[in-house]
Amino acid sequence: MHEFSLIADLFKKVETVVRENDAEYASKITIQLGALAHISPDHLKEHIDQASPGTPIEGAEIEINLTSEEHPQAQEIVLESLEIDK
């Protein structure tokens, strides 16, 4: 269940940035996935794809960069960058 809260938080962050920029959707999302976040990049991508229909994330290109175990955010999913389209 921890992964669902991390993904929900990610969606909220993306939706906030999209809304604050008067945009309709995100075209590319770059995510930093902590090596200790207890989810693989493929599994994270599956969750995002399943949850994105009808959201500003739907159809966005998703890039996931895995951190090392020593990274300070090794247990987190972090929004690294976001490209938006109006």
N, C-alpha and C. Protein backbone atom coordinates (compact mmCIF):
# COMPACT_ATOMS: atom_id res chain seq x y z
N MET A 1 0.81 -1.20 0.00
CA MET A 1 0.00 0.00 0.00
C MET A 1 0.85 1.26 0.00
N HIS A 2 2.07 1.16 0.49
CA HIS A 2 2.95 2.32 0.53
C HIS A 2 3.17 2.89 -0.87
N GLU A 3 3.31 2.01 -1.86
CA GLU A 3 3.56 2.47 -3.23
C GLU A 3 2.37 3.27 -3.76
N PHE A 4 1.16 2.92 -3.36
CA PHE A 4 -0.02 3.66 -3.83
C PHE A 4 -0.02 5.09 -3.31
N SER A 5 0.40 5.29 -2.07
CA SER A 5 0.46 6.65 -1.54
C SER A 5 1.55 7.46 -2.22
N LEU A 6 2.68 6.82 -2.56
CA LEU A 6 3.74 7.50 -3.27
C LEU A 6 3.29 7.92 -4.67
N ILE A 7 2.56 7.04 -5.34
CA ILE A 7 2.06 7.34 -6.69
C ILE A 7 0.98 8.42 -6.62
N ALA A 8 0.11 8.35 -5.65
CA ALA A 8 -0.92 9.38 -5.48
C ALA A 8 -0.29 10.74 -5.24
N ASP A 9 0.77 10.78 -4.45
CA ASP A 9 1.48 12.03 -4.19
C ASP A 9 2.12 12.56 -5.48
N LEU A 10 2.68 11.68 -6.27
CA LEU A 10 3.27 12.06 -7.55
C LEU A 10 2.21 12.67 -8.47
N PHE A 11 1.05 12.04 -8.56
CA PHE A 11 -0.04 12.55 -9.39
C PHE A 11 -0.49 13.94 -8.91
N LYS A 12 -0.58 14.12 -7.62
CA LYS A 12 -0.99 15.44 -7.08
C LYS A 12 0.01 16.51 -7.48
N LYS A 13 1.30 16.20 -7.38
CA LYS A 13 2.33 17.17 -7.74
C LYS A 13 2.24 17.54 -9.22
N VAL A 14 2.09 16.54 -10.09
CA VAL A 14 1.99 16.81 -11.52
C VAL A 14 0.75 17.64 -11.82
N GLU A 15 -0.39 17.25 -11.26
CA GLU A 15 -1.63 17.98 -11.50
C GLU A 15 -1.53 19.42 -11.01
N THR A 16 -0.85 19.66 -9.90
CA THR A 16 -0.68 21.02 -9.39
C THR A 16 0.14 21.86 -10.35
N VAL A 17 1.25 21.32 -10.84
CA VAL A 17 2.10 22.06 -11.78
C VAL A 17 1.34 22.35 -13.08
N VAL A 18 0.62 21.38 -13.58
CA VAL A 18 -0.15 21.56 -14.81
C VAL A 18 -1.18 22.67 -14.60
N ARG A 19 -1.92 22.62 -13.53
CA ARG A 19 -2.96 23.62 -13.23
C ARG A 19 -2.35 25.01 -13.03
N GLU A 20 -1.26 25.10 -12.28
CA GLU A 20 -0.62 26.40 -12.02
C GLU A 20 -0.09 27.06 -13.28
N ASN A 21 0.16 26.27 -14.32
CA ASN A 21 0.67 26.80 -15.57
C ASN A 21 -0.41 26.90 -16.65
N ASP A 22 -1.67 26.82 -16.21
CA ASP A 22 -2.81 26.91 -17.13
C ASP A 22 -2.67 25.97 -18.32
N ALA A 23 -2.14 24.80 -18.06
CA ALA A 23 -1.96 23.79 -19.10
C ALA A 23 -3.05 22.73 -18.97
N GLU A 24 -3.11 21.89 -19.97
CA GLU A 24 -4.12 20.82 -19.95
C GLU A 24 -3.53 19.47 -19.55
N TYR A 25 -2.28 19.25 -19.95
CA TYR A 25 -1.69 17.96 -19.63
C TYR A 25 -0.17 18.03 -19.62
N ALA A 26 0.43 16.99 -19.07
CA ALA A 26 1.88 16.83 -19.07
C ALA A 26 2.26 16.03 -20.30
N SER A 27 3.31 16.45 -20.98
CA SER A 27 3.76 15.70 -22.16
C SER A 27 4.91 14.75 -21.82
N LYS A 28 5.70 15.12 -20.81
CA LYS A 28 6.80 14.25 -20.38
C LYS A 28 7.01 14.42 -18.88
N ILE A 29 7.17 13.31 -18.21
CA ILE A 29 7.41 13.30 -16.77
C ILE A 29 8.68 12.49 -16.51
N THR A 30 9.61 13.11 -15.79
CA THR A 30 10.83 12.40 -15.42
C THR A 30 10.78 12.17 -13.91
N ILE A 31 10.94 10.92 -13.54
CA ILE A 31 10.79 10.50 -12.14
C ILE A 31 12.10 9.90 -11.66
N GLN A 32 12.44 10.24 -10.44
CA GLN A 32 13.58 9.63 -9.76
C GLN A 32 13.01 8.57 -8.82
N LEU A 33 13.34 7.33 -9.08
CA LEU A 33 12.84 6.22 -8.27
C LEU A 33 13.95 5.73 -7.36
N GLY A 34 13.70 5.79 -6.07
CA GLY A 34 14.68 5.34 -5.10
C GLY A 34 14.87 3.83 -5.15
N ALA A 35 16.10 3.40 -5.05
CA ALA A 35 16.42 1.97 -5.11
C ALA A 35 15.76 1.19 -3.98
N LEU A 36 15.40 1.87 -2.90
CA LEU A 36 14.76 1.20 -1.76
C LEU A 36 13.27 1.52 -1.66
N ALA A 37 12.66 1.97 -2.74
CA ALA A 37 11.25 2.35 -2.74
C ALA A 37 10.31 1.16 -2.82
N HIS A 38 10.84 -0.04 -2.92
CA HIS A 38 10.05 -1.28 -2.91
C HIS A 38 9.12 -1.40 -4.11
N ILE A 39 9.56 -0.84 -5.25
CA ILE A 39 8.81 -0.99 -6.49
C ILE A 39 9.82 -0.88 -7.63
N SER A 40 9.65 -1.72 -8.63
CA SER A 40 10.56 -1.68 -9.78
C SER A 40 10.11 -0.59 -10.75
N PRO A 41 11.00 -0.13 -11.61
CA PRO A 41 10.60 0.85 -12.61
C PRO A 41 9.44 0.36 -13.49
N ASP A 42 9.47 -0.90 -13.90
CA ASP A 42 8.39 -1.44 -14.74
C ASP A 42 7.06 -1.47 -13.98
N HIS A 43 7.11 -1.86 -12.73
CA HIS A 43 5.89 -1.92 -11.92
C HIS A 43 5.34 -0.51 -11.68
N LEU A 44 6.22 0.44 -11.43
CA LEU A 44 5.79 1.83 -11.26
C LEU A 44 5.12 2.33 -12.53
N LYS A 45 5.72 2.05 -13.68
CA LYS A 45 5.16 2.47 -14.96
C LYS A 45 3.78 1.86 -15.17
N GLU A 46 3.60 0.60 -14.81
CA GLU A 46 2.29 -0.06 -14.93
C GLU A 46 1.25 0.66 -14.08
N HIS A 47 1.61 1.00 -12.84
CA HIS A 47 0.68 1.71 -11.95
C HIS A 47 0.30 3.08 -12.52
N ILE A 48 1.29 3.78 -13.05
CA ILE A 48 1.01 5.09 -13.63
C ILE A 48 0.09 4.95 -14.83
N ASP A 49 0.36 3.99 -15.70
CA ASP A 49 -0.47 3.77 -16.88
C ASP A 49 -1.91 3.42 -16.50
N GLN A 50 -2.08 2.62 -15.45
CA GLN A 50 -3.42 2.22 -15.01
C GLN A 50 -4.19 3.37 -14.38
N ALA A 51 -3.49 4.26 -13.69
CA ALA A 51 -4.14 5.35 -12.96
C ALA A 51 -4.28 6.63 -13.78
N SER A 52 -3.63 6.72 -14.92
CA SER A 52 -3.57 7.99 -15.64
C SER A 52 -4.78 8.35 -16.52
N PRO A 53 -5.59 7.39 -17.01
CA PRO A 53 -6.71 7.79 -17.87
C PRO A 53 -7.61 8.84 -17.21
N GLY A 54 -7.88 9.91 -17.99
CA GLY A 54 -8.72 10.98 -17.48
C GLY A 54 -8.00 12.00 -16.63
N THR A 55 -6.68 11.87 -16.52
CA THR A 55 -5.89 12.82 -15.72
C THR A 55 -4.94 13.57 -16.66
N PRO A 56 -4.32 14.65 -16.17
CA PRO A 56 -3.33 15.36 -16.99
C PRO A 56 -2.09 14.53 -17.33
N ILE A 57 -1.97 13.37 -16.73
CA ILE A 57 -0.81 12.51 -16.97
C ILE A 57 -1.06 11.55 -18.14
N GLU A 58 -2.30 11.37 -18.49
CA GLU A 58 -2.65 10.43 -19.57
C GLU A 58 -1.89 10.77 -20.85
N GLY A 59 -1.19 9.77 -21.40
CA GLY A 59 -0.46 9.93 -22.64
C GLY A 59 0.93 10.53 -22.51
N ALA A 60 1.31 10.92 -21.31
CA ALA A 60 2.64 11.52 -21.11
C ALA A 60 3.74 10.48 -21.28
N GLU A 61 4.85 10.92 -21.82
CA GLU A 61 6.04 10.08 -21.86
C GLU A 61 6.58 10.01 -20.43
N ILE A 62 6.88 8.81 -19.97
CA ILE A 62 7.37 8.62 -18.60
C ILE A 62 8.81 8.13 -18.66
N GLU A 63 9.70 8.88 -18.02
CA GLU A 63 11.10 8.48 -17.90
C GLU A 63 11.38 8.24 -16.43
N ILE A 64 11.92 7.07 -16.11
CA ILE A 64 12.18 6.70 -14.72
C ILE A 64 13.67 6.46 -14.54
N ASN A 65 14.29 7.22 -13.64
CA ASN A 65 15.71 7.09 -13.32
C ASN A 65 15.85 6.48 -11.93
N LEU A 66 16.51 5.36 -11.85
CA LEU A 66 16.70 4.64 -10.59
C LEU A 66 17.93 5.17 -9.86
N THR A 67 17.76 5.49 -8.56
CA THR A 67 18.89 5.96 -7.75
C THR A 67 19.64 4.78 -7.14
N SER A 68 20.75 5.08 -6.53
CA SER A 68 21.51 4.06 -5.81
C SER A 68 20.91 3.89 -4.41
N GLU A 69 21.30 2.83 -3.74
CA GLU A 69 20.83 2.59 -2.38
C GLU A 69 21.36 3.63 -1.40
N GLU A 70 22.47 4.27 -1.73
CA GLU A 70 23.08 5.26 -0.85
C GLU A 70 22.48 6.65 -1.02
N HIS A 71 21.68 6.83 -2.03
CA HIS A 71 21.10 8.15 -2.31
C HIS A 71 20.21 8.60 -1.14
N PRO A 72 20.22 9.89 -0.79
CA PRO A 72 19.42 10.38 0.34
C PRO A 72 17.91 10.14 0.19
N GLN A 73 17.44 10.02 -1.05
CA GLN A 73 16.01 9.78 -1.28
C GLN A 73 15.77 8.36 -1.82
N ALA A 74 16.55 7.43 -1.33
CA ALA A 74 16.51 6.06 -1.84
C ALA A 74 15.19 5.33 -1.57
N GLN A 75 14.34 5.86 -0.70
CA GLN A 75 13.06 5.22 -0.40
C GLN A 75 11.88 5.97 -1.03
N GLU A 76 12.16 6.91 -1.91
CA GLU A 76 11.12 7.79 -2.40
C GLU A 76 10.95 7.74 -3.91
N ILE A 77 9.81 8.25 -4.35
CA ILE A 77 9.54 8.50 -5.75
C ILE A 77 9.47 10.02 -5.87
N VAL A 78 10.38 10.60 -6.66
CA VAL A 78 10.51 12.05 -6.72
C VAL A 78 10.25 12.54 -8.15
N LEU A 79 9.45 13.58 -8.27
CA LEU A 79 9.22 14.22 -9.55
C LEU A 79 10.46 15.04 -9.87
N GLU A 80 11.24 14.62 -10.86
CA GLU A 80 12.47 15.32 -11.23
C GLU A 80 12.19 16.50 -12.15
N SER A 81 11.39 16.24 -13.19
CA SER A 81 11.06 17.30 -14.13
C SER A 81 9.75 16.98 -14.82
N LEU A 82 9.19 18.04 -15.41
CA LEU A 82 7.86 17.91 -16.02
C LEU A 82 7.79 18.86 -17.19
N GLU A 83 7.40 18.33 -18.34
CA GLU A 83 7.13 19.17 -19.50
C GLU A 83 5.62 19.20 -19.68
N ILE A 84 5.09 20.40 -19.95
CA ILE A 84 3.65 20.53 -20.08
C ILE A 84 3.28 21.10 -21.44
N ASP A 85 2.08 20.81 -21.87
CA ASP A 85 1.52 21.37 -23.08
C ASP A 85 0.23 22.07 -22.73
N LYS A 86 0.01 23.20 -23.35
CA LYS A 86 -1.20 23.97 -23.08
C LYS A 86 -2.31 23.62 -24.03
